Protein backbone atom coordinates (compact mmCIF):
# COMPACT_ATOMS: atom_id res chain seq x y z
CA UNK A 1 -0.07 -79.39 38.04
CA UNK A 2 2.06 -76.46 39.06
CA UNK A 3 0.48 -73.11 38.14
CA UNK A 4 2.68 -70.01 37.94
CA UNK A 5 2.01 -66.40 37.03
CA UNK A 6 4.47 -64.71 34.66
CA UNK A 7 4.57 -61.41 32.80
CA UNK A 8 6.11 -60.57 29.42
CA UNK A 9 9.88 -61.19 29.41
CA UNK A 10 9.70 -63.28 32.59
CA UNK A 11 10.87 -66.89 32.51
CA UNK A 12 10.45 -70.29 34.09
CA UNK A 13 13.41 -72.65 34.44
CA UNK A 14 12.90 -76.43 34.27
CA UNK A 15 15.79 -78.51 35.50
CA UNK A 16 19.17 -77.02 34.66
CA UNK A 17 18.77 -76.55 30.94
CA UNK A 18 15.23 -75.63 29.87
CA UNK A 19 14.03 -72.02 30.00
CA UNK A 20 10.52 -70.95 29.03
CA UNK A 21 10.05 -67.22 28.47
CA UNK A 22 6.78 -65.31 27.98
CA UNK A 23 7.30 -63.25 24.81
CA UNK A 24 3.91 -61.71 24.14
CA UNK A 25 0.40 -61.76 25.56
CA UNK A 26 -2.58 -61.07 23.31
CA UNK A 27 -6.29 -61.42 23.99
CA UNK A 28 -6.56 -65.20 23.70
CA UNK A 29 -3.00 -66.28 22.91
CA UNK A 30 0.34 -66.27 24.63
CA UNK A 31 3.60 -66.51 22.69
CA UNK A 32 6.33 -68.36 24.52
CA UNK A 33 9.97 -69.02 23.72
CA UNK A 34 11.68 -72.22 24.77
CA UNK A 35 15.44 -72.69 25.15
CA UNK A 36 16.36 -76.34 25.46
CA UNK A 37 19.12 -78.70 24.35
CA UNK A 38 18.80 -79.93 20.77
CA UNK A 39 18.18 -83.49 21.95
CA UNK A 40 15.02 -82.45 23.82
CA UNK A 41 11.98 -82.92 21.60
CA UNK A 42 9.40 -80.15 21.97
CA UNK A 43 5.92 -80.44 20.44
CA UNK A 44 2.55 -78.82 20.89
CA UNK A 45 0.23 -81.22 22.69
CA UNK A 46 -1.96 -81.88 19.64
CA UNK A 47 1.10 -82.76 17.52
CA UNK A 48 2.47 -84.96 20.30
CA UNK A 49 -0.86 -86.81 20.47
CA UNK A 50 -0.90 -87.37 16.68
CA UNK A 51 2.63 -88.77 16.82
CA UNK A 52 1.76 -91.01 19.77
CA UNK A 53 -1.33 -92.32 17.94
CA UNK A 54 0.73 -93.06 14.81
CA UNK A 55 3.33 -94.93 16.87
CA UNK A 56 0.58 -96.90 18.58
CA UNK A 57 -0.98 -97.81 15.21
CA UNK A 58 2.43 -98.82 13.83
CA UNK A 59 3.08 -101.00 16.86
CA UNK A 60 -0.28 -102.70 16.39
CA UNK A 61 0.50 -103.42 12.72
CA UNK A 62 3.92 -104.85 13.61
CA UNK A 63 2.40 -106.96 16.38
CA UNK A 64 -0.32 -108.20 14.04
CA UNK A 65 2.27 -109.11 11.39
CA UNK A 66 4.34 -110.97 13.97
CA UNK A 67 1.28 -112.92 15.13
CA UNK A 68 0.42 -113.83 11.52
CA UNK A 69 3.99 -114.97 10.93
CA UNK A 70 4.01 -117.09 14.09
CA UNK A 71 0.65 -118.63 13.19
CA UNK A 72 1.93 -119.41 9.69
CA UNK A 73 5.04 -121.03 11.17
CA UNK A 74 2.92 -123.19 13.49
CA UNK A 75 0.74 -124.32 10.59
CA UNK A 76 3.84 -125.13 8.51
CA UNK A 77 5.28 -127.17 11.39
CA UNK A 78 2.07 -129.18 11.76
CA UNK A 79 1.89 -130.01 8.06
């Protein structure tokens, strides 16, 4: 992990098209602004994790349904 020190109104550039700017520093919170292309998805980590968990659960349901369908097809073929 890269660790940088920044002050209010100072920025960090990622690649050629993402700029992160420190907007405000309070006691236990830092407000940041992010400039990025519209096709770059930006989420807080906890939201990202929820989305990843939902996708994982959806994939498991789809996989389970596919397995049930294949099993049903095998049974039908044997009968």
